[in-house]
Structure formats: structure tokens, C-alpha cells
């Protein structure tokens, strides 16, 4: 999960700035592939964590995690066109990368520090 979390902003920045520079199509696609592979890696690690942490209520915990991802996936198309129209691909993806660093990495550090505690 840590590897995935560290490489997600790298993939976003790679894709955004290479698409902004209009280089050969394969270069932004490689950046997008780095981003997508790390999303899968992070999602699978998060699912394993939820299943291990809430073994008695796995279905409910997985549904809650999926709901949050679905809301995010629903909300993205509402603001993405305006974001990319005003800022372009480079700065638009930079904003997303910075938001992930602020939210995603802090969440990961929180889970690392407090995740194994039982109440």
C-alpha cells in the first residue's frame, strides 16, 4: 500500500505534464499506466486490510469502502471538465496529485500508526 501511495502522485504528474507538453502519445500513456497500476495495488491492499480488520463484518466493511470509492467516481466527472478547461492537464493533474498527497498519504500514515490498535 505504501508503494502504491507513493507512486500515485508520480503517475498523475507524469501523465498531466506530458499530456500538456503534447509529446508522443506513448509517454502520457505510460504515466497513466503507472497511475492505474498503483491504484489497483492500493485498492487491493486496502481491501485486504478491511477484510483482516473486520473479519466478523467483512461484507458491511467492504460495502462502506466501495460506497466511498463510488461517490468519488461519481463526483469526478462533475468537476473534471471545468478543472482541465481552466488549468490544463498539467496543473489539473498537479492539483489532484497534491490533494492525494494531503489526503491519501495522511490517511495511510494514520492507518500505519493507529490501525493495529484494538478498542
PDB file of N, CA and C in Angstrom:
ATOM      1  N   UNK A   1       0.822  -1.180   0.000  1.00  0.00           N
ATOM      2  CA  UNK A   1       0.000   0.000   0.000  1.00  0.00           C
ATOM      3  C   UNK A   1       0.877   1.259   0.000  1.00  0.00           C
ATOM      4  N   UNK A   2       1.987   1.209   0.693  1.00  0.00           N
ATOM      5  CA  UNK A   2       2.879   2.368   0.732  1.00  0.00           C
ATOM      6  C   UNK A   2       3.465   2.640  -0.650  1.00  0.00           C
ATOM      7  N   UNK A   3       3.895   1.594  -1.331  1.00  0.00           N
ATOM      8  CA  UNK A   3       4.438   1.769  -2.681  1.00  0.00           C
ATOM      9  C   UNK A   3       3.395   2.382  -3.608  1.00  0.00           C
ATOM     10  N   UNK A   4       2.180   1.878  -3.525  1.00  0.00           N
ATOM     11  CA  UNK A   4       1.114   2.428  -4.350  1.00  0.00           C
ATOM     12  C   UNK A   4       0.823   3.876  -4.042  1.00  0.00           C
ATOM     13  N   UNK A   5       0.820   4.210  -2.757  1.00  0.00           N
ATOM     14  CA  UNK A   5       0.522   5.581  -2.358  1.00  0.00           C
ATOM     15  C   UNK A   5       1.613   6.551  -2.782  1.00  0.00           C
ATOM     16  N   UNK A   6       2.842   6.108  -2.783  1.00  0.00           N
ATOM     17  CA  UNK A   6       3.930   6.993  -3.184  1.00  0.00           C
ATOM     18  C   UNK A   6       3.983   7.217  -4.696  1.00  0.00           C
ATOM     19  N   UNK A   7       3.571   6.220  -5.451  1.00  0.00           N
ATOM     20  CA  UNK A   7       3.683   6.346  -6.908  1.00  0.00           C
ATOM     21  C   UNK A   7       2.429   6.913  -7.584  1.00  0.00           C
ATOM     22  N   UNK A   8       1.325   7.019  -6.870  1.00  0.00           N
ATOM     23  CA  UNK A   8       0.122   7.608  -7.466  1.00  0.00           C
ATOM     24  C   UNK A   8       0.361   9.065  -7.874  1.00  0.00           C
ATOM     25  N   UNK A   9       0.904   9.919  -6.994  1.00  0.00           N
ATOM     26  CA  UNK A   9       1.155  11.302  -7.438  1.00  0.00           C
ATOM     27  C   UNK A   9       2.174  11.382  -8.570  1.00  0.00           C
ATOM     28  N   UNK A  10       3.145  10.477  -8.564  1.00  0.00           N
ATOM     29  CA  UNK A  10       4.139  10.468  -9.651  1.00  0.00           C
ATOM     30  C   UNK A  10       3.460  10.166 -10.981  1.00  0.00           C
ATOM     31  N   UNK A  11       2.575   9.178 -10.999  1.00  0.00           N
ATOM     32  CA  UNK A  11       1.840   8.849 -12.222  1.00  0.00           C
ATOM     33  C   UNK A  11       0.950   9.990 -12.677  1.00  0.00           C
ATOM     34  N   UNK A  12       0.280  10.645 -11.731  1.00  0.00           N
ATOM     35  CA  UNK A  12      -0.576  11.785 -12.090  1.00  0.00           C
ATOM     36  C   UNK A  12       0.231  12.933 -12.680  1.00  0.00           C
ATOM     37  N   UNK A  13       1.345  13.251 -12.043  1.00  0.00           N
ATOM     38  CA  UNK A  13       2.177  14.348 -12.545  1.00  0.00           C
ATOM     39  C   UNK A  13       2.797  14.002 -13.896  1.00  0.00           C
ATOM     40  N   UNK A  14       3.254  12.782 -14.042  1.00  0.00           N
ATOM     41  CA  UNK A  14       3.845  12.327 -15.298  1.00  0.00           C
ATOM     42  C   UNK A  14       2.833  12.463 -16.421  1.00  0.00           C
ATOM     43  N   UNK A  15       1.644  11.903 -16.205  1.00  0.00           N
ATOM     44  CA  UNK A  15       0.616  11.952 -17.244  1.00  0.00           C
ATOM     45  C   UNK A  15       0.220  13.395 -17.568  1.00  0.00           C
ATOM     46  N   UNK A  16      -0.051  14.179 -16.528  1.00  0.00           N
ATOM     47  CA  UNK A  16      -0.547  15.535 -16.754  1.00  0.00           C
ATOM     48  C   UNK A  16       0.423  16.426 -17.498  1.00  0.00           C
ATOM     49  N   UNK A  17       1.679  16.431 -17.066  1.00  0.00           N
ATOM     50  CA  UNK A  17       2.631  17.355 -17.691  1.00  0.00           C
ATOM     51  C   UNK A  17       3.090  16.874 -19.063  1.00  0.00           C
ATOM     52  N   UNK A  18       3.143  15.588 -19.273  1.00  0.00           N
ATOM     53  CA  UNK A  18       3.497  15.095 -20.609  1.00  0.00           C
ATOM     54  C   UNK A  18       2.344  15.315 -21.590  1.00  0.00           C
ATOM     55  N   UNK A  19       1.108  15.181 -21.124  1.00  0.00           N
ATOM     56  CA  UNK A  19      -0.035  15.483 -21.998  1.00  0.00           C
ATOM     57  C   UNK A  19      -0.097  16.974 -22.300  1.00  0.00           C
ATOM     58  N   UNK A  20       0.242  17.798 -21.318  1.00  0.00           N
ATOM     59  CA  UNK A  20       0.271  19.253 -21.524  1.00  0.00           C
ATOM     60  C   UNK A  20       1.319  19.634 -22.561  1.00  0.00           C
ATOM     61  N   UNK A  21       2.463  18.959 -22.537  1.00  0.00           N
ATOM     62  CA  UNK A  21       3.552  19.257 -23.484  1.00  0.00           C
ATOM     63  C   UNK A  21       3.292  18.670 -24.866  1.00  0.00           C
ATOM     64  N   UNK A  22       2.263  17.850 -24.991  1.00  0.00           N
ATOM     65  CA  UNK A  22       1.891  17.226 -26.270  1.00  0.00           C
ATOM     66  C   UNK A  22       3.052  16.440 -26.888  1.00  0.00           C
ATOM     67  N   UNK A  23       3.694  15.622 -26.068  1.00  0.00           N
ATOM     68  CA  UNK A  23       4.756  14.744 -26.567  1.00  0.00           C
ATOM     69  C   UNK A  23       4.110  13.530 -27.227  1.00  0.00           C
ATOM     70  N   UNK A  24       4.927  12.614 -27.704  1.00  0.00           N
ATOM     71  CA  UNK A  24       4.418  11.402 -28.351  1.00  0.00           C
ATOM     72  C   UNK A  24       3.408  10.716 -27.434  1.00  0.00           C
ATOM     73  N   UNK A  25       2.352  10.146 -28.013  1.00  0.00           N
ATOM     74  CA  UNK A  25       1.227   9.614 -27.244  1.00  0.00           C
ATOM     75  C   UNK A  25       1.630   8.543 -26.243  1.00  0.00           C
ATOM     76  N   UNK A  26       2.702   7.816 -26.467  1.00  0.00           N
ATOM     77  CA  UNK A  26       3.053   6.720 -25.573  1.00  0.00           C
ATOM     78  C   UNK A  26       3.546   7.224 -24.211  1.00  0.00           C
ATOM     79  N   UNK A  27       4.158   8.403 -24.172  1.00  0.00           N
ATOM     80  CA  UNK A  27       4.731   8.916 -22.921  1.00  0.00           C
ATOM     81  C   UNK A  27       3.627   9.233 -21.896  1.00  0.00           C
ATOM     82  N   UNK A  28       2.552   9.972 -22.247  1.00  0.00           N
ATOM     83  CA  UNK A  28       1.468  10.150 -21.271  1.00  0.00           C
ATOM     84  C   UNK A  28       0.765   8.840 -20.932  1.00  0.00           C
ATOM     85  N   UNK A  29       0.697   7.932 -21.911  1.00  0.00           N
ATOM     86  CA  UNK A  29       0.073   6.641 -21.629  1.00  0.00           C
ATOM     87  C   UNK A  29       0.871   5.831 -20.615  1.00  0.00           C
ATOM     88  N   UNK A  30       2.178   5.920 -20.655  1.00  0.00           N
ATOM     89  CA  UNK A  30       2.999   5.230 -19.652  1.00  0.00           C
ATOM     90  C   UNK A  30       2.746   5.845 -18.275  1.00  0.00           C
ATOM     91  N   UNK A  31       2.668   7.168 -18.204  1.00  0.00           N
ATOM     92  CA  UNK A  31       2.352   7.827 -16.938  1.00  0.00           C
ATOM     93  C   UNK A  31       0.980   7.418 -16.407  1.00  0.00           C
ATOM     94  N   UNK A  32      -0.003   7.342 -17.303  1.00  0.00           N
ATOM     95  CA  UNK A  32      -1.335   6.895 -16.896  1.00  0.00           C
ATOM     96  C   UNK A  32      -1.299   5.443 -16.436  1.00  0.00           C
ATOM     97  N   UNK A  33      -0.481   4.623 -17.071  1.00  0.00           N
ATOM     98  CA  UNK A  33      -0.344   3.214 -16.661  1.00  0.00           C
ATOM     99  C   UNK A  33       0.277   3.099 -15.281  1.00  0.00           C
ATOM    100  N   UNK A  34       1.271   3.933 -15.000  1.00  0.00           N
ATOM    101  CA  UNK A  34       1.877   3.946 -13.656  1.00  0.00           C
ATOM    102  C   UNK A  34       0.802   4.312 -12.629  1.00  0.00           C
ATOM    103  N   UNK A  35       0.026   5.330 -12.921  1.00  0.00           N
ATOM    104  CA  UNK A  35      -1.048   5.749 -12.020  1.00  0.00           C
ATOM    105  C   UNK A  35      -2.055   4.620 -11.816  1.00  0.00           C
ATOM    106  N   UNK A  36      -2.525   4.027 -12.882  1.00  0.00           N
ATOM    107  CA  UNK A  36      -3.557   2.989 -12.783  1.00  0.00           C
ATOM    108  C   UNK A  36      -3.056   1.732 -12.078  1.00  0.00           C
ATOM    109  N   UNK A  37      -1.836   1.334 -12.350  1.00  0.00           N
ATOM    110  CA  UNK A  37      -1.286   0.150 -11.665  1.00  0.00           C
ATOM    111  C   UNK A  37      -1.194   0.390 -10.172  1.00  0.00           C
ATOM    112  N   UNK A  38      -0.836   1.598  -9.777  1.00  0.00           N
ATOM    113  CA  UNK A  38      -0.730   1.903  -8.356  1.00  0.00           C
ATOM    114  C   UNK A  38      -2.105   2.034  -7.709  1.00  0.00           C
ATOM    115  N   UNK A  39      -3.089   2.471  -8.458  1.00  0.00           N
ATOM    116  CA  UNK A  39      -4.457   2.495  -7.929  1.00  0.00           C
ATOM    117  C   UNK A  39      -4.908   1.067  -7.623  1.00  0.00           C
ATOM    118  N   UNK A  40      -4.660   0.147  -8.530  1.00  0.00           N
ATOM    119  CA  UNK A  40      -5.038  -1.251  -8.304  1.00  0.00           C
ATOM    120  C   UNK A  40      -4.286  -1.817  -7.109  1.00  0.00           C
ATOM    121  N   UNK A  41      -2.992  -1.551  -7.034  1.00  0.00           N
ATOM    122  CA  UNK A  41      -2.182  -2.033  -5.919  1.00  0.00           C
ATOM    123  C   UNK A  41      -2.705  -1.488  -4.589  1.00  0.00           C
ATOM    124  N   UNK A  42      -3.005  -0.217  -4.537  1.00  0.00           N
ATOM    125  CA  UNK A  42      -3.526   0.388  -3.315  1.00  0.00           C
ATOM    126  C   UNK A  42      -4.909  -0.124  -2.956  1.00  0.00           C
ATOM    127  N   UNK A  43      -5.778  -0.292  -3.954  1.00  0.00           N
ATOM    128  CA  UNK A  43      -7.128  -0.781  -3.704  1.00  0.00           C
ATOM    129  C   UNK A  43      -7.108  -2.200  -3.170  1.00  0.00           C
ATOM    130  N   UNK A  44      -6.295  -3.046  -3.764  1.00  0.00           N
ATOM    131  CA  UNK A  44      -6.232  -4.431  -3.291  1.00  0.00           C
ATOM    132  C   UNK A  44      -5.670  -4.518  -1.882  1.00  0.00           C
ATOM    133  N   UNK A  45      -4.668  -3.708  -1.578  1.00  0.00           N
ATOM    134  CA  UNK A  45      -4.109  -3.695  -0.226  1.00  0.00           C
ATOM    135  C   UNK A  45      -5.146  -3.183   0.769  1.00  0.00           C
ATOM    136  N   UNK A  46      -5.910  -2.167   0.375  1.00  0.00           N
ATOM    137  CA  UNK A  46      -6.940  -1.637   1.260  1.00  0.00           C
ATOM    138  C   UNK A  46      -8.039  -2.671   1.493  1.00  0.00           C
ATOM    139  N   UNK A  47      -8.408  -3.407   0.457  1.00  0.00           N
ATOM    140  CA  UNK A  47      -9.428  -4.437   0.619  1.00  0.00           C
ATOM    141  C   UNK A  47      -8.942  -5.551   1.551  1.00  0.00           C
ATOM    142  N   UNK A  48      -7.696  -5.936   1.419  1.00  0.00           N
ATOM    143  CA  UNK A  48      -7.139  -6.957   2.315  1.00  0.00           C
ATOM    144  C   UNK A  48      -7.117  -6.449   3.750  1.00  0.00           C
ATOM    145  N   UNK A  49      -6.767  -5.184   3.934  1.00  0.00           N
ATOM    146  CA  UNK A  49      -6.753  -4.589   5.273  1.00  0.00           C
ATOM    147  C   UNK A  49      -8.149  -4.589   5.888  1.00  0.00           C
ATOM    148  N   UNK A  50      -9.151  -4.190   5.111  1.00  0.00           N
ATOM    149  CA  UNK A  50     -10.526  -4.148   5.611  1.00  0.00           C
ATOM    150  C   UNK A  50     -11.005  -5.556   5.955  1.00  0.00           C
ATOM    151  N   UNK A  51     -10.702  -6.531   5.104  1.00  0.00           N
ATOM    152  CA  UNK A  51     -11.140  -7.900   5.380  1.00  0.00           C
ATOM    153  C   UNK A  51     -10.473  -8.470   6.620  1.00  0.00           C
ATOM    154  N   UNK A  52      -9.194  -8.168   6.812  1.00  0.00           N
ATOM    155  CA  UNK A  52      -8.495  -8.651   8.004  1.00  0.00           C
ATOM    156  C   UNK A  52      -8.944  -7.927   9.267  1.00  0.00           C
ATOM    157  N   UNK A  53      -9.218  -6.646   9.164  1.00  0.00           N
ATOM    158  CA  UNK A  53      -9.587  -5.856  10.339  1.00  0.00           C
ATOM    159  C   UNK A  53     -11.011  -6.123  10.809  1.00  0.00           C
ATOM    160  N   UNK A  54     -11.909  -6.375   9.891  1.00  0.00           N
ATOM    161  CA  UNK A  54     -13.325  -6.556  10.226  1.00  0.00           C
ATOM    162  C   UNK A  54     -13.810  -7.920   9.760  1.00  0.00           C
ATOM    163  N   UNK A  55     -13.171  -8.954  10.256  1.00  0.00           N
ATOM    164  CA  UNK A  55     -13.475 -10.305   9.776  1.00  0.00           C
ATOM    165  C   UNK A  55     -14.903 -10.735  10.102  1.00  0.00           C
ATOM    166  N   UNK A  56     -15.483 -10.233  11.185  1.00  0.00           N
ATOM    167  CA  UNK A  56     -16.862 -10.588  11.536  1.00  0.00           C
ATOM    168  C   UNK A  56     -17.891  -9.870  10.661  1.00  0.00           C
ATOM    169  N   UNK A  57     -17.506  -8.732  10.125  1.00  0.00           N
ATOM    170  CA  UNK A  57     -18.442  -7.909   9.348  1.00  0.00           C
ATOM    171  C   UNK A  57     -17.812  -7.501   8.016  1.00  0.00           C
ATOM    172  N   UNK A  58     -17.197  -8.439   7.347  1.00  0.00           N
ATOM    173  CA  UNK A  58     -16.465  -8.135   6.121  1.00  0.00           C
ATOM    174  C   UNK A  58     -17.353  -7.532   5.037  1.00  0.00           C
ATOM    175  N   UNK A  59     -18.543  -8.102   4.858  1.00  0.00           N
ATOM    176  CA  UNK A  59     -19.418  -7.611   3.781  1.00  0.00           C
ATOM    177  C   UNK A  59     -19.809  -6.155   4.006  1.00  0.00           C
ATOM    178  N   UNK A  60     -20.156  -5.795   5.230  1.00  0.00           N
ATOM    179  CA  UNK A  60     -20.538  -4.412   5.527  1.00  0.00           C
ATOM    180  C   UNK A  60     -19.349  -3.468   5.381  1.00  0.00           C
ATOM    181  N   UNK A  61     -18.189  -3.897   5.853  1.00  0.00           N
ATOM    182  CA  UNK A  61     -16.994  -3.052   5.744  1.00  0.00           C
ATOM    183  C   UNK A  61     -16.608  -2.843   4.286  1.00  0.00           C
ATOM    184  N   UNK A  62     -16.692  -3.895   3.481  1.00  0.00           N
ATOM    185  CA  UNK A  62     -16.365  -3.763   2.067  1.00  0.00           C
ATOM    186  C   UNK A  62     -17.382  -2.873   1.360  1.00  0.00           C
ATOM    187  N   UNK A  63     -18.652  -2.979   1.738  1.00  0.00           N
ATOM    188  CA  UNK A  63     -19.682  -2.129   1.136  1.00  0.00           C
ATOM    189  C   UNK A  63     -19.434  -0.659   1.470  1.00  0.00           C
ATOM    190  N   UNK A  64     -19.030  -0.378   2.708  1.00  0.00           N
ATOM    191  CA  UNK A  64     -18.739   1.009   3.093  1.00  0.00           C
ATOM    192  C   UNK A  64     -17.554   1.556   2.303  1.00  0.00           C
ATOM    193  N   UNK A  65     -16.515   0.742   2.143  1.00  0.00           N
ATOM    194  CA  UNK A  65     -15.344   1.176   1.375  1.00  0.00           C
ATOM    195  C   UNK A  65     -15.711   1.391  -0.095  1.00  0.00           C
ATOM    196  N   UNK A  66     -16.518   0.507  -0.646  1.00  0.00           N
ATOM    197  CA  UNK A  66     -16.932   0.640  -2.050  1.00  0.00           C
ATOM    198  C   UNK A  66     -17.823   1.861  -2.244  1.00  0.00           C
ATOM    199  N   UNK A  67     -18.653   2.175  -1.254  1.00  0.00           N
ATOM    200  CA  UNK A  67     -19.513   3.344  -1.351  1.00  0.00           C
ATOM    201  C   UNK A  67     -18.686   4.619  -1.466  1.00  0.00           C
ATOM    202  N   UNK A  68     -17.654   4.734  -0.664  1.00  0.00           N
ATOM    203  CA  UNK A  68     -16.802   5.921  -0.725  1.00  0.00           C
ATOM    204  C   UNK A  68     -16.105   6.033  -2.083  1.00  0.00           C
ATOM    205  N   UNK A  69     -15.607   4.925  -2.611  1.00  0.00           N
ATOM    206  CA  UNK A  69     -14.976   4.957  -3.939  1.00  0.00           C
ATOM    207  C   UNK A  69     -15.992   5.306  -5.018  1.00  0.00           C
ATOM    208  N   UNK A  70     -17.212   4.798  -4.893  1.00  0.00           N
ATOM    209  CA  UNK A  70     -18.242   5.084  -5.887  1.00  0.00           C
ATOM    210  C   UNK A  70     -18.660   6.558  -5.865  1.00  0.00           C
ATOM    211  N   UNK A  71     -18.749   7.133  -4.681  1.00  0.00           N
ATOM    212  CA  UNK A  71     -19.094   8.561  -4.584  1.00  0.00           C
ATOM    213  C   UNK A  71     -17.996   9.399  -5.221  1.00  0.00           C
ATOM    214  N   UNK A  72     -16.754   9.042  -4.964  1.00  0.00           N
ATOM    215  CA  UNK A  72     -15.639   9.758  -5.578  1.00  0.00           C
ATOM    216  C   UNK A  72     -15.688   9.623  -7.096  1.00  0.00           C
ATOM    217  N   UNK A  73     -15.934   8.415  -7.579  1.00  0.00           N
ATOM    218  CA  UNK A  73     -16.033   8.191  -9.025  1.00  0.00           C
ATOM    219  C   UNK A  73     -17.193   8.936  -9.652  1.00  0.00           C
ATOM    220  N   UNK A  74     -18.271   9.110  -8.901  1.00  0.00           N
ATOM    221  CA  UNK A  74     -19.417   9.873  -9.392  1.00  0.00           C
ATOM    222  C   UNK A  74     -19.107  11.365  -9.421  1.00  0.00           C
ATOM    223  N   UNK A  75     -18.411  11.864  -8.404  1.00  0.00           N
ATOM    224  CA  UNK A  75     -18.161  13.299  -8.287  1.00  0.00           C
ATOM    225  C   UNK A  75     -17.116  13.790  -9.284  1.00  0.00           C
ATOM    226  N   UNK A  76     -16.180  12.959  -9.642  1.00  0.00           N
ATOM    227  CA  UNK A  76     -15.083  13.387 -10.513  1.00  0.00           C
ATOM    228  C   UNK A  76     -15.565  13.990 -11.835  1.00  0.00           C
ATOM    229  N   UNK A  77     -16.478  13.351 -12.558  1.00  0.00           N
ATOM    230  CA  UNK A  77     -16.919  13.946 -13.825  1.00  0.00           C
ATOM    231  C   UNK A  77     -17.654  15.279 -13.671  1.00  0.00           C
ATOM    232  N   UNK A  78     -18.114  15.600 -12.475  1.00  0.00           N
ATOM    233  CA  UNK A  78     -18.805  16.878 -12.306  1.00  0.00           C
ATOM    234  C   UNK A  78     -17.841  18.053 -12.257  1.00  0.00           C
ATOM    235  N   UNK A  79     -16.612  17.834 -11.763  1.00  0.00           N
ATOM    236  CA  UNK A  79     -15.672  18.953 -11.684  1.00  0.00           C
ATOM    237  C   UNK A  79     -14.499  18.833 -12.649  1.00  0.00           C
ATOM    238  N   UNK A  80     -14.249  17.656 -13.203  1.00  0.00           N
ATOM    239  CA  UNK A  80     -13.069  17.463 -14.057  1.00  0.00           C
ATOM    240  C   UNK A  80     -13.081  18.315 -15.319  1.00  0.00           C
ATOM    241  N   UNK A  81     -14.173  18.404 -16.068  1.00  0.00           N
ATOM    242  CA  UNK A  81     -14.114  19.229 -17.285  1.00  0.00           C
ATOM    243  C   UNK A  81     -13.747  20.688 -17.004  1.00  0.00           C
ATOM    244  N   UNK A  82     -14.331  21.270 -15.964  1.00  0.00           N
ATOM    245  CA  UNK A  82     -14.003  22.650 -15.620  1.00  0.00           C
ATOM    246  C   UNK A  82     -12.563  22.799 -15.142  1.00  0.00           C
ATOM    247  N   UNK A  83     -12.110  21.813 -14.382  1.00  0.00           N
ATOM    248  CA  UNK A  83     -10.731  21.830 -13.883  1.00  0.00           C
ATOM    249  C   UNK A  83      -9.737  21.834 -15.037  1.00  0.00           C
ATOM    250  N   UNK A  84      -9.920  20.917 -15.987  1.00  0.00           N
ATOM    251  CA  UNK A  84      -8.980  20.818 -17.097  1.00  0.00           C
ATOM    252  C   UNK A  84      -9.146  21.954 -18.103  1.00  0.00           C
ATOM    253  N   UNK A  85     -10.370  22.485 -18.247  1.00  0.00           N
ATOM    254  CA  UNK A  85     -10.557  23.633 -19.138  1.00  0.00           C
ATOM    255  C   UNK A  85      -9.836  24.867 -18.616  1.00  0.00           C
ATOM    256  N   UNK A  86      -9.894  25.093 -17.322  1.00  0.00           N
ATOM    257  CA  UNK A  86      -9.285  26.297 -16.740  1.00  0.00           C
ATOM    258  C   UNK A  86      -7.784  26.150 -16.506  1.00  0.00           C
ATOM    259  N   UNK A  87      -7.329  24.965 -16.078  1.00  0.00           N
ATOM    260  CA  UNK A  87      -5.932  24.798 -15.683  1.00  0.00           C
ATOM    261  C   UNK A  87      -5.085  24.012 -16.669  1.00  0.00           C
ATOM    262  N   UNK A  88      -5.702  23.271 -17.554  1.00  0.00           N
ATOM    263  CA  UNK A  88      -4.948  22.403 -18.448  1.00  0.00           C
ATOM    264  C   UNK A  88      -4.618  21.082 -17.766  1.00  0.00           C
ATOM    265  N   UNK A  89      -4.038  20.170 -18.524  1.00  0.00           N
ATOM    266  CA  UNK A  89      -3.750  18.843 -17.974  1.00  0.00           C
ATOM    267  C   UNK A  89      -2.640  18.874 -16.925  1.00  0.00           C
ATOM    268  N   UNK A  90      -1.643  19.698 -17.126  1.00  0.00           N
ATOM    269  CA  UNK A  90      -0.510  19.732 -16.203  1.00  0.00           C
ATOM    270  C   UNK A  90      -0.911  20.188 -14.813  1.00  0.00           C
ATOM    271  N   UNK A  91      -1.489  21.382 -14.719  1.00  0.00           N
ATOM    272  CA  UNK A  91      -1.870  21.901 -13.408  1.00  0.00           C
ATOM    273  C   UNK A  91      -3.089  21.194 -12.853  1.00  0.00           C
ATOM    274  N   UNK A  92      -3.988  20.740 -13.721  1.00  0.00           N
ATOM    275  CA  UNK A  92      -5.155  19.987 -13.243  1.00  0.00           C
ATOM    276  C   UNK A  92      -4.734  18.703 -12.544  1.00  0.00           C
ATOM    277  N   UNK A  93      -3.830  17.957 -13.185  1.00  0.00           N
ATOM    278  CA  UNK A  93      -3.340  16.734 -12.541  1.00  0.00           C
ATOM    279  C   UNK A  93      -2.448  17.044 -11.350  1.00  0.00           C
ATOM    280  N   UNK A  94      -1.771  18.180 -11.379  1.00  0.00           N
ATOM    281  CA  UNK A  94      -0.962  18.567 -10.218  1.00  0.00           C
ATOM    282  C   UNK A  94      -1.850  18.818  -9.002  1.00  0.00           C
ATOM    283  N   UNK A  95      -2.993  19.476  -9.217  1.00  0.00           N
ATOM    284  CA  UNK A  95      -3.937  19.699  -8.115  1.00  0.00           C
ATOM    285  C   UNK A  95      -4.407  18.367  -7.554  1.00  0.00           C
ATOM    286  N   UNK A  96      -4.733  17.415  -8.436  1.00  0.00           N
ATOM    287  CA  UNK A  96      -5.165  16.101  -7.965  1.00  0.00           C
ATOM    288  C   UNK A  96      -4.050  15.377  -7.225  1.00  0.00           C
ATOM    289  N   UNK A  97      -2.826  15.494  -7.727  1.00  0.00           N
ATOM    290  CA  UNK A  97      -1.687  14.852  -7.054  1.00  0.00           C
ATOM    291  C   UNK A  97      -1.460  15.467  -5.683  1.00  0.00           C
ATOM    292  N   UNK A  98      -1.542  16.795  -5.580  1.00  0.00           N
ATOM    293  CA  UNK A  98      -1.351  17.451  -4.285  1.00  0.00           C
ATOM    294  C   UNK A  98      -2.473  17.083  -3.318  1.00  0.00           C
ATOM    295  N   UNK A  99      -3.698  16.975  -3.823  1.00  0.00           N
ATOM    296  CA  UNK A  99      -4.813  16.557  -2.968  1.00  0.00           C
ATOM    297  C   UNK A  99      -4.604  15.131  -2.478  1.00  0.00           C
ATOM    298  N   UNK A 100      -4.102  14.264  -3.365  1.00  0.00           N
ATOM    299  CA  UNK A 100      -3.834  12.894  -2.929  1.00  0.00           C
ATOM    300  C   UNK A 100      -2.741  12.859  -1.882  1.00  0.00           C
ATOM    301  N   UNK A 101      -1.704  13.667  -2.062  1.00  0.00           N
ATOM    302  CA  UNK A 101      -0.627  13.704  -1.072  1.00  0.00           C
ATOM    303  C   UNK A 101      -1.189  14.148   0.279  1.00  0.00           C
ATOM    304  N   UNK A 102      -2.031  15.176   0.270  1.00  0.00           N
ATOM    305  CA  UNK A 102      -2.583  15.691   1.523  1.00  0.00           C
ATOM    306  C   UNK A 102      -3.546  14.705   2.172  1.00  0.00           C
ATOM    307  N   UNK A 103      -4.418  14.099   1.385  1.00  0.00           N
ATOM    308  CA  UNK A 103      -5.450  13.222   1.942  1.00  0.00           C
ATOM    309  C   UNK A 103      -4.981  11.776   2.002  1.00  0.00           C
ATOM    310  N   UNK A 104      -4.512  11.254   0.878  1.00  0.00           N
ATOM    311  CA  UNK A 104      -4.167   9.838   0.794  1.00  0.00           C
ATOM    312  C   UNK A 104      -2.980   9.440   1.652  1.00  0.00           C
ATOM    313  N   UNK A 105      -1.925  10.227   1.604  1.00  0.00           N
ATOM    314  CA  UNK A 105      -0.749   9.866   2.390  1.00  0.00           C
ATOM    315  C   UNK A 105      -0.985  10.071   3.886  1.00  0.00           C
ATOM    316  N   UNK A 106      -1.757  11.098   4.247  1.00  0.00           N
ATOM    317  CA  UNK A 106      -2.062  11.279   5.666  1.00  0.00           C
ATOM    318  C   UNK A 106      -2.942  10.139   6.181  1.00  0.00           C
ATOM    319  N   UNK A 107      -3.869   9.672   5.357  1.00  0.00           N
ATOM    320  CA  UNK A 107      -4.695   8.521   5.736  1.00  0.00           C
ATOM    321  C   UNK A 107      -3.830   7.273   5.898  1.00  0.00           C
ATOM    322  N   UNK A 108      -2.896   7.087   5.006  1.00  0.00           N
ATOM    323  CA  UNK A 108      -2.005   5.933   5.086  1.00  0.00           C
ATOM    324  C   UNK A 108      -1.150   5.982   6.352  1.00  0.00           C
ATOM    325  N   UNK A 109      -0.625   7.154   6.663  1.00  0.00           N
ATOM    326  CA  UNK A 109       0.155   7.297   7.890  1.00  0.00           C
ATOM    327  C   UNK A 109      -0.701   7.077   9.131  1.00  0.00           C
ATOM    328  N   UNK A 110      -1.942   7.525   9.087  1.00  0.00           N
ATOM    329  CA  UNK A 110      -2.873   7.290  10.183  1.00  0.00           C
ATOM    330  C   UNK A 110      -3.120   5.797  10.373  1.00  0.00           C
ATOM    331  N   UNK A 111      -3.360   5.081   9.283  1.00  0.00           N
ATOM    332  CA  UNK A 111      -3.565   3.628   9.379  1.00  0.00           C
ATOM    333  C   UNK A 111      -2.309   2.923   9.861  1.00  0.00           C
ATOM    334  N   UNK A 112      -1.166   3.384   9.421  1.00  0.00           N
ATOM    335  CA  UNK A 112       0.099   2.771   9.834  1.00  0.00           C
ATOM    336  C   UNK A 112       0.320   2.933  11.338  1.00  0.00           C
ATOM    337  N   UNK A 113      -0.001   4.133  11.835  1.00  0.00           N
ATOM    338  CA  UNK A 113       0.244   4.442  13.244  1.00  0.00           C
ATOM    339  C   UNK A 113      -0.823   3.836  14.163  1.00  0.00           C
ATOM    340  N   UNK A 114      -2.087   3.949  13.795  1.00  0.00           N
ATOM    341  CA  UNK A 114      -3.185   3.568  14.688  1.00  0.00           C
ATOM    342  C   UNK A 114      -3.989   2.369  14.228  1.00  0.00           C
ATOM    343  N   UNK A 115      -3.687   1.826  13.088  1.00  0.00           N
ATOM    344  CA  UNK A 115      -4.527   0.778  12.512  1.00  0.00           C
ATOM    345  C   UNK A 115      -4.541  -0.531  13.261  1.00  0.00           C
ATOM    346  N   UNK A 116      -3.472  -0.901  13.905  1.00  0.00           N
ATOM    347  CA  UNK A 116      -3.425  -2.209  14.562  1.00  0.00           C
ATOM    348  C   UNK A 116      -3.982  -2.189  15.973  1.00  0.00           C
ATOM    349  N   UNK A 117      -4.391  -1.063  16.494  1.00  0.00           N
ATOM    350  CA  UNK A 117      -4.922  -0.978  17.850  1.00  0.00           C
ATOM    351  C   UNK A 117      -6.330  -1.506  17.925  1.00  0.00           C
ATOM    352  N   UNK A 118      -6.613  -2.159  19.017  1.00  0.00           N
ATOM    353  CA  UNK A 118      -7.984  -2.645  19.282  1.00  0.00           C
ATOM    354  C   UNK A 118      -8.597  -1.760  20.341  1.00  0.00           C
ATOM    355  N   UNK A 119      -9.886  -1.468  20.190  1.00  0.00           N
ATOM    356  CA  UNK A 119     -10.563  -0.666  21.207  1.00  0.00           C
ATOM    357  C   UNK A 119     -11.384  -1.528  22.119  1.00  0.00           C
TER     358      UNK A 119
END
